[in-house]
Amino acid sequence: MPEFPYLRPQAAAETAVCRFSGLDRRVRPADGALRAGRQLDPDGFPALCPSAPFARTEALTNATDLVAACGGLGWIADGTFYWNGAARGSVSAGRHQLAVIGTKIVIFPDKLLFDTAGTDGLTGMEAVAIGQAVFTADTVTFETDAPFRAGDGVTLSGCTSLTENNKTVVVREVSGKTVTCDAECFASGAEAAVTARRAVPALDFVCEKDNRLWGVHDGKICCSVLGDPCNWNVFEGLAGDGWETAVGTGGDFTGCAAYASHVLFFKEDCVHKVYGVKPSNFQVQVSRIPGVQAGCERSILNVGETVYWWARDGLMAYGGGVPDRLSAPLGEDGWESVCAGAVGHTLYLSGLRAGVGETTALNLETGLFAPQDETQALAFAGQAGTLYALRDDGLYAPDPDAVPAWEAVLGPFGDARGARRLLSRIVLVIEPESTCELTVRLSADGGPFEPVWAGAVLPPGVLRIPVVLRDGERFALRLSGRGRMRVRALVTRTRSGGSL
């Protein structure tokens, strides 16, 4: 009789995914990667755990800005600056640039200052005297009390007969209406309409480093006098002077930030680094590395000895030299208006992805992303171990007592490198911490998600939930839960189905 080849039976294989590896939108993620999700804890990996949702703590309208300083929170909404919930003064409409130096908060482009240690409201950073002025060799006397202080750099203009008095001088003493400057500083005489101004540049971006304010305006990099954010035009060759320089690169600046040894000034395609400790040795070096994407200056965040920012290529981490790109798992969709905040070792990113709001969290220790929700935060600020998020309608903070509603999309499962794998079974290993709700939906071969375990209420304990498969070769799971639980593992049983 004829001899036929012996066909060996195909043994079933069982694989357990015990390490879930965070959000990954790339073409071929690992089996434990999330394709999408909502309200997941970045500290929960390698298990899937829900995170505390953000809840509104302060209802606002037309909110635009948020800052944390000296144990308190300041924000701007409806054209008013608030400090710890109390209105302290009016500001212009739109977004602002805020920075903290000592106990003071500065607000640009308004050139306003708020002292958190005082009881006053907003004050102007500039000072001006306008009107008739009488000059002697070293003094100028105004019609009213002079609003200047010793050490101010004051620019005089409007002198028509004594034109040599149109200059910038340093105030040495103020006594009522009379300002004393250096000897033989002025030509003597009187002028009918003089403007004397302690000017502050209209900064596009601002940050603090080494007790100075740094910023950019009109394509120039500048810094204030040491310890005095209201003085910028003092140039006496001393270590505490202000400083300003032009740069030769094209394009607009997009942000600035302080780093350990230097100050960073960003354009989209390069970064200017200012080294030095005093004006006489300040040096500017240009690095052709990805800078901050326009409109994403609020993504600049200094955590420890690393500066993070959002570039057109994605999230950058800079520790000196060339930055690392961390955001490959987020996919190739473009992001806009990105802001960032951090608490502990978790960094939050929020912005518009392909025109839709999205907030996600990154565990800086593991490098894994955890999706949060479909909202867009305008700014973040950390205070006393709590991260606050500002949205257009209010101030939000995580609510640990709220019951989280979470979601995770996993898969597809069933395709291997070069060989077809046919799934025969999927089992979820779940550990509820209290009575929870869970819905499991299954998608076969890219089709719609259909419930296979709908609305089940799970008691505390470790549970194994079998998923009934339908006809198909590639399957994805959508898990929707309410309550605190842990997805510990996902077990798949497969058999070989031949080569692809």
Protein backbone atom coordinates (compact mmCIF):
# COMPACT_ATOMS: atom_id res chain seq x y z
CA MET A 1 0.00 0.00 0.00
CA PRO A 2 1.21 3.53 -0.61
CA GLU A 3 3.06 5.31 2.14
CA PHE A 4 1.73 8.71 3.15
CA PRO A 5 3.71 11.37 5.00
CA TYR A 6 3.17 11.47 8.73
CA LEU A 7 1.52 14.74 9.80
CA ARG A 8 2.45 15.79 13.29
CA PRO A 9 -0.29 17.47 15.30
CA GLN A 10 0.10 21.20 15.87
CA ALA A 11 0.65 21.81 19.54
CA ALA A 12 -1.19 24.67 21.16
CA ALA A 13 0.90 27.47 22.66
CA GLU A 14 -0.03 29.65 25.59
CA THR A 15 1.45 33.10 26.06
CA ALA A 16 0.94 35.39 29.04
CA VAL A 17 1.35 39.15 28.80
CA CYS A 18 2.32 40.07 32.35
CA ARG A 19 3.94 43.41 31.56
CA PHE A 20 1.80 46.10 29.97
CA SER A 21 4.08 48.58 28.30
CA GLY A 22 2.10 51.80 28.04
CA LEU A 23 0.64 53.72 25.14
CA ASP A 24 2.19 52.90 21.76
CA ARG A 25 0.63 54.07 18.49
CA ARG A 26 3.41 52.79 16.25
CA VAL A 27 2.71 50.29 13.47
CA ARG A 28 3.89 47.15 15.30
CA PRO A 29 3.75 47.62 19.06
CA ALA A 30 4.49 44.88 21.56
CA ASP A 31 1.61 42.61 22.65
CA GLY A 32 1.29 44.41 25.98
CA ALA A 33 1.13 47.92 24.51
CA LEU A 34 -1.94 50.15 24.67
CA ARG A 35 -3.36 51.36 21.40
CA ALA A 36 -5.57 53.88 23.19
CA GLY A 37 -7.04 54.43 26.62
CA ARG A 38 -8.27 56.80 29.24
CA GLN A 39 -7.57 57.55 32.91
CA LEU A 40 -4.71 55.09 33.43
CA ASP A 41 -2.03 55.40 36.09
CA PRO A 42 1.55 55.88 34.78
CA ASP A 43 2.83 54.46 38.08
CA GLY A 44 0.72 51.31 37.70
CA PHE A 45 2.77 49.64 34.97
CA PRO A 46 3.51 46.79 34.38
CA ALA A 47 -0.15 46.28 35.44
CA LEU A 48 -3.04 48.38 34.15
CA CYS A 49 -4.48 50.54 36.93
CA PRO A 50 -6.86 53.50 36.87
CA SER A 51 -5.64 56.91 37.99
CA ALA A 52 -7.45 59.57 40.00
CA PRO A 53 -9.44 61.85 37.66
CA PHE A 54 -8.99 65.62 37.70
CA ALA A 55 -11.87 67.46 39.37
CA ARG A 56 -12.62 71.17 39.25
CA THR A 57 -11.59 73.03 42.39
CA GLU A 58 -12.28 76.56 41.16
CA ALA A 59 -14.87 77.60 38.55
CA LEU A 60 -13.48 80.25 36.17
CA THR A 61 -14.37 81.83 32.87
CA ASN A 62 -11.92 82.65 30.09
CA ALA A 63 -8.95 81.40 32.11
CA THR A 64 -5.58 81.89 30.41
CA ASP A 65 -2.60 81.61 32.81
CA LEU A 66 -1.43 79.73 35.90
CA VAL A 67 1.64 80.04 38.13
CA ALA A 68 2.81 78.54 41.43
CA ALA A 69 5.03 80.60 43.72
CA CYS A 70 5.97 80.83 47.40
CA GLY A 71 3.41 78.31 48.58
CA GLY A 72 0.49 79.78 46.65
CA LEU A 73 -1.23 79.74 43.26
CA GLY A 74 -1.89 82.64 40.92
CA TRP A 75 -4.04 82.59 37.83
CA ILE A 76 -5.55 84.93 35.27
CA ALA A 77 -9.17 84.69 34.19
CA ASP A 78 -11.50 87.21 32.56
CA GLY A 79 -8.74 89.81 32.52
CA THR A 80 -8.10 89.63 36.30
CA PHE A 81 -5.10 88.33 38.20
CA TYR A 82 -5.98 86.20 41.23
CA TRP A 83 -3.69 85.16 44.07
CA ASN A 84 -4.97 82.21 46.11
CA GLY A 85 -8.47 83.00 44.90
CA ALA A 86 -8.46 86.75 45.68
CA ALA A 87 -8.57 89.28 42.84
CA ARG A 88 -5.47 91.49 42.87
CA GLY A 89 -5.72 93.58 39.70
CA SER A 90 -6.62 93.80 36.02
CA VAL A 91 -4.47 92.65 33.12
CA SER A 92 -4.80 92.69 29.35
CA ALA A 93 -6.80 90.08 27.45
CA GLY A 94 -5.15 86.96 26.04
CA ARG A 95 -2.26 84.76 27.13
CA HIS A 96 0.58 86.14 29.21
CA GLN A 97 4.15 85.24 30.07
CA LEU A 98 4.63 84.75 33.82
CA ALA A 99 7.84 84.20 35.78
CA VAL A 100 8.82 84.12 39.45
CA ILE A 101 11.86 85.86 40.90
CA GLY A 102 12.16 85.69 44.68
CA THR A 103 8.76 86.56 46.13
CA LYS A 104 7.68 88.45 43.01
CA ILE A 105 5.58 87.35 40.04
CA VAL A 106 6.09 89.29 36.81
CA ILE A 107 3.48 89.45 34.05
CA PHE A 108 4.34 90.24 30.44
CA PRO A 109 3.58 91.88 28.05
CA ASP A 110 1.76 94.04 30.63
CA LYS A 111 5.00 94.72 32.57
CA LEU A 112 3.20 94.21 35.86
CA LEU A 113 4.54 92.87 39.15
CA PHE A 114 2.90 91.18 42.12
CA ASP A 115 4.74 90.68 45.41
CA THR A 116 3.47 87.56 47.16
CA ALA A 117 5.02 88.78 50.42
CA GLY A 118 3.06 92.04 50.40
CA THR A 119 -0.56 93.10 50.62
CA ASP A 120 -0.70 95.36 47.57
CA GLY A 121 -2.16 94.49 44.23
CA LEU A 122 -0.43 94.66 40.86
CA THR A 123 2.13 97.40 40.34
CA GLY A 124 3.81 98.63 37.17
CA MET A 125 7.40 97.62 36.62
CA GLU A 126 8.19 100.83 34.80
CA ALA A 127 8.38 104.32 36.31
CA VAL A 128 7.95 107.58 34.38
CA ALA A 129 8.07 111.32 35.02
CA ILE A 130 6.75 113.71 32.34
CA GLY A 131 6.78 117.50 32.26
CA GLN A 132 9.04 120.46 32.86
CA ALA A 133 12.55 119.68 34.11
CA VAL A 134 15.42 121.83 35.36
CA PHE A 135 18.95 120.51 34.92
CA THR A 136 22.16 121.23 36.76
CA ALA A 137 25.49 119.52 36.11
CA ASP A 138 24.50 116.46 38.17
CA THR A 139 20.77 116.80 38.97
CA VAL A 140 17.40 117.02 37.29
CA THR A 141 14.37 118.43 39.10
CA PHE A 142 10.84 117.57 38.01
CA GLU A 143 7.49 119.26 38.70
CA THR A 144 6.34 116.41 40.95
CA ASP A 145 8.08 113.88 43.20
CA ALA A 146 10.36 111.64 41.16
CA PRO A 147 9.14 107.99 41.02
CA PHE A 148 12.67 106.57 40.82
CA ARG A 149 15.07 104.81 43.20
CA ALA A 150 18.80 104.87 43.66
CA GLY A 151 20.38 102.51 41.14
CA ASP A 152 17.67 102.92 38.49
CA GLY A 153 18.69 103.20 34.87
CA VAL A 154 16.55 106.09 33.54
CA THR A 155 16.26 107.19 29.92
CA LEU A 156 15.53 110.88 29.28
CA SER A 157 14.00 112.14 26.04
CA GLY A 158 12.19 115.23 24.77
CA CYS A 159 14.99 117.74 25.36
CA THR A 160 14.89 120.13 22.41
CA SER A 161 17.43 122.82 23.36
CA LEU A 162 19.67 120.70 25.60
CA THR A 163 19.71 117.70 23.26
CA GLU A 164 22.81 116.27 24.90
CA ASN A 165 20.62 115.50 27.91
CA ASN A 166 18.67 112.94 25.90
CA LYS A 167 20.50 109.93 27.31
CA THR A 168 20.31 107.02 29.74
CA VAL A 169 21.68 107.75 33.21
CA VAL A 170 22.00 105.90 36.50
CA VAL A 171 20.23 107.44 39.49
CA ARG A 172 22.49 107.90 42.54
CA GLU A 173 20.05 109.60 44.91
CA VAL A 174 16.41 110.72 44.98
CA SER A 175 15.13 113.53 47.19
CA GLY A 176 11.55 114.59 46.50
CA LYS A 177 11.44 116.12 43.02
CA THR A 178 15.22 116.08 42.55
CA VAL A 179 17.23 113.21 41.09
CA THR A 180 20.99 113.20 41.50
CA CYS A 181 23.19 111.44 38.94
CA ASP A 182 26.93 111.38 38.23
CA ALA A 183 28.99 114.56 38.27
CA GLU A 184 28.97 116.58 35.04
CA CYS A 185 26.21 114.35 33.73
CA PHE A 186 23.97 117.09 32.26
CA ALA A 187 24.10 120.40 30.52
CA SER A 188 22.49 123.01 32.78
CA GLY A 189 19.20 124.62 31.84
CA ALA A 190 15.44 124.05 31.66
CA GLU A 191 13.25 122.04 29.31
CA ALA A 192 9.48 122.32 28.98
CA ALA A 193 8.53 118.73 28.12
CA VAL A 194 10.87 115.99 29.26
CA THR A 195 10.07 112.30 29.59
CA ALA A 196 12.18 110.33 32.07
CA ARG A 197 11.47 106.60 32.08
CA ARG A 198 12.80 103.55 33.87
CA ALA A 199 11.98 101.28 30.93
CA VAL A 200 11.33 97.54 30.91
CA PRO A 201 11.50 95.76 27.56
CA ALA A 202 8.32 94.22 26.16
CA LEU A 203 9.47 90.62 26.53
CA ASP A 204 8.00 87.90 24.34
CA PHE A 205 9.24 85.15 26.69
CA VAL A 206 10.72 85.35 30.17
CA CYS A 207 12.38 83.10 32.77
CA GLU A 208 14.47 83.46 35.92
CA LYS A 209 18.01 82.26 36.54
CA ASP A 210 20.57 83.24 39.16
CA ASN A 211 18.38 86.07 40.56
CA ARG A 212 17.95 87.74 37.17
CA LEU A 213 15.07 87.86 34.74
CA TRP A 214 16.00 86.72 31.25
CA GLY A 215 13.99 87.22 28.10
CA VAL A 216 13.81 88.10 24.44
CA HIS A 217 12.41 91.09 22.56
CA ASP A 218 12.80 92.31 19.01
CA GLY A 219 15.10 89.39 18.20
CA LYS A 220 17.46 90.21 21.10
CA ILE A 221 18.42 88.31 24.24
CA CYS A 222 18.57 90.35 27.44
CA CYS A 223 18.65 90.12 31.22
CA SER A 224 17.78 92.41 34.10
CA VAL A 225 20.03 93.91 36.74
CA LEU A 226 20.99 91.37 39.37
CA GLY A 227 18.17 91.07 41.91
CA ASP A 228 16.02 93.80 40.34
CA PRO A 229 13.47 92.70 37.72
CA CYS A 230 12.44 96.34 37.15
CA ASN A 231 15.87 97.52 35.97
CA TRP A 232 17.32 96.60 32.59
CA ASN A 233 19.21 99.67 31.33
CA VAL A 234 22.16 99.84 33.71
CA PHE A 235 25.46 99.32 31.89
CA GLU A 236 28.34 100.43 34.10
CA GLY A 237 30.72 97.55 33.57
CA LEU A 238 29.82 95.94 36.90
CA ALA A 239 28.94 92.33 37.64
CA GLY A 240 25.36 93.24 38.55
CA ASP A 241 24.57 95.19 35.37
CA GLY A 242 21.90 94.38 32.86
CA TRP A 243 22.89 92.91 29.50
CA GLU A 244 21.57 92.66 25.95
CA THR A 245 22.77 91.19 22.66
CA ALA A 246 21.47 90.55 19.17
CA VAL A 247 21.72 87.15 17.48
CA GLY A 248 22.46 86.29 13.88
CA THR A 249 20.03 83.42 13.37
CA GLY A 250 16.79 83.82 11.44
CA GLY A 251 13.27 83.18 12.61
CA ASP A 252 11.37 84.09 15.74
CA PHE A 253 12.17 83.01 19.26
CA THR A 254 9.71 80.45 20.64
CA GLY A 255 10.61 80.26 24.35
CA CYS A 256 13.34 80.35 26.99
CA ALA A 257 14.33 78.31 30.02
CA ALA A 258 16.99 78.09 32.73
CA TYR A 259 19.30 75.08 32.81
CA ALA A 260 21.92 74.15 35.41
CA SER A 261 24.88 75.88 33.79
CA HIS A 262 23.30 78.15 31.18
CA VAL A 263 20.13 79.75 29.86
CA LEU A 264 18.36 78.33 26.80
CA PHE A 265 16.68 80.52 24.19
CA PHE A 266 14.70 78.55 21.65
CA LYS A 267 13.81 78.91 18.03
CA GLU A 268 12.07 76.09 16.20
CA ASP A 269 15.24 74.86 14.49
CA CYS A 270 17.97 75.86 16.95
CA VAL A 271 18.77 76.71 20.56
CA HIS A 272 20.89 79.63 21.80
CA LYS A 273 22.81 78.87 24.98
CA VAL A 274 24.04 81.75 27.15
CA TYR A 275 26.97 80.85 29.41
CA GLY A 276 28.64 82.99 32.04
CA VAL A 277 28.00 84.56 35.45
CA LYS A 278 28.28 88.29 34.70
CA PRO A 279 27.89 90.56 31.67
CA SER A 280 31.63 90.76 31.02
CA ASN A 281 31.84 87.00 30.36
CA PHE A 282 28.38 86.18 28.97
CA GLN A 283 28.77 84.13 25.78
CA VAL A 284 26.14 82.92 23.30
CA GLN A 285 26.53 79.57 21.54
CA VAL A 286 24.10 78.26 18.93
CA SER A 287 23.23 74.56 18.69
CA ARG A 288 21.39 73.22 15.65
CA ILE A 289 19.11 70.97 17.65
CA PRO A 290 15.29 70.88 17.62
CA GLY A 291 13.90 73.84 19.54
CA VAL A 292 10.47 74.57 20.94
CA GLN A 293 7.60 74.41 18.48
CA ALA A 294 5.89 77.79 18.07
CA GLY A 295 3.00 78.15 20.48
CA CYS A 296 4.34 75.42 22.81
CA GLU A 297 6.46 77.50 25.20
CA ARG A 298 4.38 76.17 28.09
CA SER A 299 5.75 72.72 27.38
CA ILE A 300 9.17 73.84 28.67
CA LEU A 301 9.70 72.16 32.01
CA ASN A 302 12.75 71.81 34.23
CA VAL A 303 12.70 68.59 36.27
CA GLY A 304 15.85 67.99 38.27
CA GLU A 305 18.77 68.39 35.91
CA THR A 306 16.73 67.79 32.75
CA VAL A 307 14.79 70.29 30.62
CA TYR A 308 11.83 68.97 28.65
CA TRP A 309 10.09 70.70 25.77
CA TRP A 310 7.84 69.97 22.80
CA ALA A 311 9.51 70.36 19.40
CA ARG A 312 8.07 69.69 15.97
CA ASP A 313 9.70 66.25 16.28
CA GLY A 314 7.99 65.57 19.62
CA LEU A 315 8.97 65.61 23.29
CA MET A 316 12.63 66.38 23.94
CA ALA A 317 14.69 65.69 27.06
CA TYR A 318 17.82 67.83 27.39
CA GLY A 319 20.61 67.11 29.83
CA GLY A 320 23.27 69.00 27.87
CA GLY A 321 24.43 68.32 24.33
CA VAL A 322 21.87 66.74 22.01
CA PRO A 323 18.38 66.12 23.45
CA ASP A 324 16.70 62.71 23.43
CA ARG A 325 13.32 62.25 21.74
CA LEU A 326 10.87 60.51 24.08
CA SER A 327 7.58 60.73 22.24
CA ALA A 328 7.90 58.08 19.49
CA PRO A 329 5.15 55.94 21.11
CA LEU A 330 2.68 58.82 20.75
CA GLY A 331 2.60 58.40 16.97
CA GLU A 332 3.19 60.77 14.10
CA ASP A 333 0.12 62.99 14.43
CA GLY A 334 1.04 66.62 14.93
CA TRP A 335 0.49 68.33 18.27
CA GLU A 336 -0.26 72.01 18.90
CA SER A 337 -0.44 74.33 21.93
CA VAL A 338 1.31 71.76 24.14
CA CYS A 339 1.79 72.49 27.84
CA ALA A 340 3.52 70.35 30.46
CA GLY A 341 3.58 69.90 34.21
CA ALA A 342 5.24 67.49 36.61
CA VAL A 343 4.64 66.01 40.03
CA GLY A 344 7.13 63.53 41.44
CA HIS A 345 8.50 61.46 38.55
CA THR A 346 5.39 61.89 36.38
CA LEU A 347 5.23 64.41 33.54
CA TYR A 348 1.87 65.44 32.10
CA LEU A 349 1.45 66.62 28.52
CA SER A 350 -1.66 68.29 27.19
CA GLY A 351 -2.51 69.91 23.90
CA LEU A 352 -4.26 69.44 20.60
CA ARG A 353 -3.44 66.26 18.67
CA ALA A 354 -4.70 66.51 15.10
CA GLY A 355 -7.00 69.29 16.33
CA VAL A 356 -8.50 67.28 19.22
CA GLY A 357 -7.70 67.79 22.90
CA GLU A 358 -5.60 65.14 24.62
CA THR A 359 -3.81 64.77 27.95
CA THR A 360 -1.32 61.99 28.60
CA ALA A 361 1.16 61.22 31.38
CA LEU A 362 4.74 59.99 31.14
CA ASN A 363 6.51 58.07 33.89
CA LEU A 364 10.01 59.56 33.72
CA GLU A 365 11.56 56.50 35.36
CA THR A 366 10.07 53.84 33.06
CA GLY A 367 9.56 55.96 29.92
CA LEU A 368 5.98 54.66 29.55
CA PHE A 369 3.01 56.82 28.55
CA ALA A 370 -0.43 56.48 30.13
CA PRO A 371 -3.41 58.14 28.40
CA GLN A 372 -5.55 60.37 30.65
CA ASP A 373 -8.49 62.04 28.93
CA GLU A 374 -9.68 64.03 25.91
CA THR A 375 -9.35 67.48 27.46
CA GLN A 376 -6.90 70.27 26.70
CA ALA A 377 -5.17 71.95 29.60
CA LEU A 378 -3.93 75.50 29.08
CA ALA A 379 -1.24 75.31 31.78
CA PHE A 380 -0.03 73.19 34.69
CA ALA A 381 1.46 74.18 38.05
CA GLY A 382 2.71 72.01 40.91
CA GLN A 383 2.14 73.07 44.49
CA ALA A 384 2.72 71.10 47.74
CA GLY A 385 2.88 67.77 45.90
CA THR A 386 -0.31 68.40 43.91
CA LEU A 387 -0.42 69.11 40.19
CA TYR A 388 -3.03 71.66 39.14
CA ALA A 389 -4.34 71.96 35.59
CA LEU A 390 -5.90 75.13 34.20
CA ARG A 391 -8.66 74.76 31.65
CA ASP A 392 -10.79 77.45 30.09
CA ASP A 393 -13.59 76.86 32.62
CA GLY A 394 -11.61 76.44 35.81
CA LEU A 395 -8.79 75.11 37.94
CA TYR A 396 -8.54 71.31 38.30
CA ALA A 397 -6.66 68.93 40.59
CA PRO A 398 -6.66 65.11 41.01
CA ASP A 399 -9.46 63.85 43.26
CA PRO A 400 -8.22 60.68 45.03
CA ASP A 401 -11.73 60.00 46.41
CA ALA A 402 -13.45 60.00 43.02
CA VAL A 403 -14.43 56.68 41.44
CA PRO A 404 -12.32 56.44 38.27
CA ALA A 405 -13.85 55.50 34.94
CA TRP A 406 -11.09 54.08 32.77
CA GLU A 407 -10.53 52.40 29.42
CA ALA A 408 -7.76 50.44 27.70
CA VAL A 409 -7.51 49.22 24.10
CA LEU A 410 -5.11 46.29 23.58
CA GLY A 411 -4.03 44.41 20.49
CA PRO A 412 -4.32 43.35 17.81
CA PHE A 413 -3.35 39.81 18.83
CA GLY A 414 -2.90 36.92 16.44
CA ASP A 415 -0.29 38.08 13.92
CA ALA A 416 3.36 37.02 14.28
CA ARG A 417 6.52 37.83 12.41
CA GLY A 418 6.29 35.68 9.28
CA ALA A 419 3.91 33.03 10.65
CA ARG A 420 0.16 32.99 11.12
CA ARG A 421 -1.06 32.39 14.66
CA LEU A 422 -4.67 31.47 15.21
CA LEU A 423 -6.02 32.50 18.58
CA SER A 424 -8.20 29.99 20.32
CA ARG A 425 -8.61 31.70 23.69
CA ILE A 426 -7.97 34.94 25.59
CA VAL A 427 -8.11 35.11 29.39
CA LEU A 428 -7.86 38.29 31.47
CA VAL A 429 -6.47 38.18 34.99
CA ILE A 430 -8.17 40.95 37.00
CA GLU A 431 -7.71 42.01 40.63
CA PRO A 432 -10.46 44.40 41.81
CA GLU A 433 -9.68 46.35 44.97
CA SER A 434 -13.37 46.84 45.71
CA THR A 435 -16.63 46.09 43.93
CA CYS A 436 -16.08 47.30 40.37
CA GLU A 437 -17.76 47.29 36.99
CA LEU A 438 -16.08 45.94 33.88
CA THR A 439 -17.08 45.68 30.24
CA VAL A 440 -14.97 43.75 27.72
CA ARG A 441 -15.44 44.36 24.01
CA LEU A 442 -13.83 42.39 21.18
CA SER A 443 -12.93 43.47 17.64
CA ALA A 444 -12.16 40.83 14.98
CA ASP A 445 -10.03 41.71 11.94
CA GLY A 446 -10.46 45.47 12.39
CA GLY A 447 -14.22 45.35 12.74
CA PRO A 448 -16.34 47.15 15.34
CA PHE A 449 -15.95 46.41 19.03
CA GLU A 450 -18.77 44.22 20.29
CA PRO A 451 -19.40 43.36 23.95
CA VAL A 452 -18.38 39.89 25.13
CA TRP A 453 -18.46 40.65 28.85
CA ALA A 454 -20.89 43.52 29.31
CA GLY A 455 -21.58 45.36 32.52
CA ALA A 456 -20.23 42.69 34.82
CA VAL A 457 -19.88 43.64 38.50
CA LEU A 458 -16.74 42.13 39.99
CA PRO A 459 -16.15 41.43 43.67
CA PRO A 460 -12.70 41.91 45.28
CA GLY A 461 -10.16 39.16 44.66
CA VAL A 462 -8.15 37.72 41.77
CA LEU A 463 -10.42 36.71 38.87
CA ARG A 464 -9.81 35.01 35.54
CA ILE A 465 -12.20 36.21 32.84
CA PRO A 466 -12.38 34.14 29.63
CA VAL A 467 -13.05 36.06 26.41
CA VAL A 468 -15.17 34.22 23.85
CA LEU A 469 -13.59 34.62 20.42
CA ARG A 470 -15.44 35.02 17.15
CA ASP A 471 -14.43 34.15 13.60
CA GLY A 472 -11.26 35.97 12.67
CA GLU A 473 -7.49 35.96 12.82
CA ARG A 474 -6.56 39.26 14.49
CA PHE A 475 -8.34 40.45 17.62
CA ALA A 476 -8.29 43.62 19.71
CA LEU A 477 -9.78 44.18 23.17
CA ARG A 478 -11.40 47.27 24.64
CA LEU A 479 -11.66 47.16 28.42
CA SER A 480 -13.95 49.70 30.09
CA GLY A 481 -14.06 49.83 33.86
CA ARG A 482 -15.40 51.84 36.74
CA GLY A 483 -13.74 51.57 40.13
CA ARG A 484 -10.28 50.66 41.34
CA MET A 485 -8.84 47.45 39.96
CA ARG A 486 -5.68 46.03 38.48
CA VAL A 487 -5.36 44.15 35.19
CA ARG A 488 -2.48 41.87 36.09
CA ALA A 489 -2.10 39.77 32.93
CA LEU A 490 -3.58 38.78 29.61
CA VAL A 491 -3.16 35.13 28.55
CA THR A 492 -3.56 34.07 24.91
CA ARG A 493 -3.76 30.48 23.68
CA THR A 494 -2.76 29.98 20.07
CA ARG A 495 -2.22 27.22 17.53
CA SER A 496 -0.19 27.39 14.35
CA GLY A 497 -2.09 27.99 11.14
CA GLY A 498 0.75 27.84 8.59
CA SER A 499 2.95 30.47 7.03
CA LEU A 500 1.71 33.84 5.86
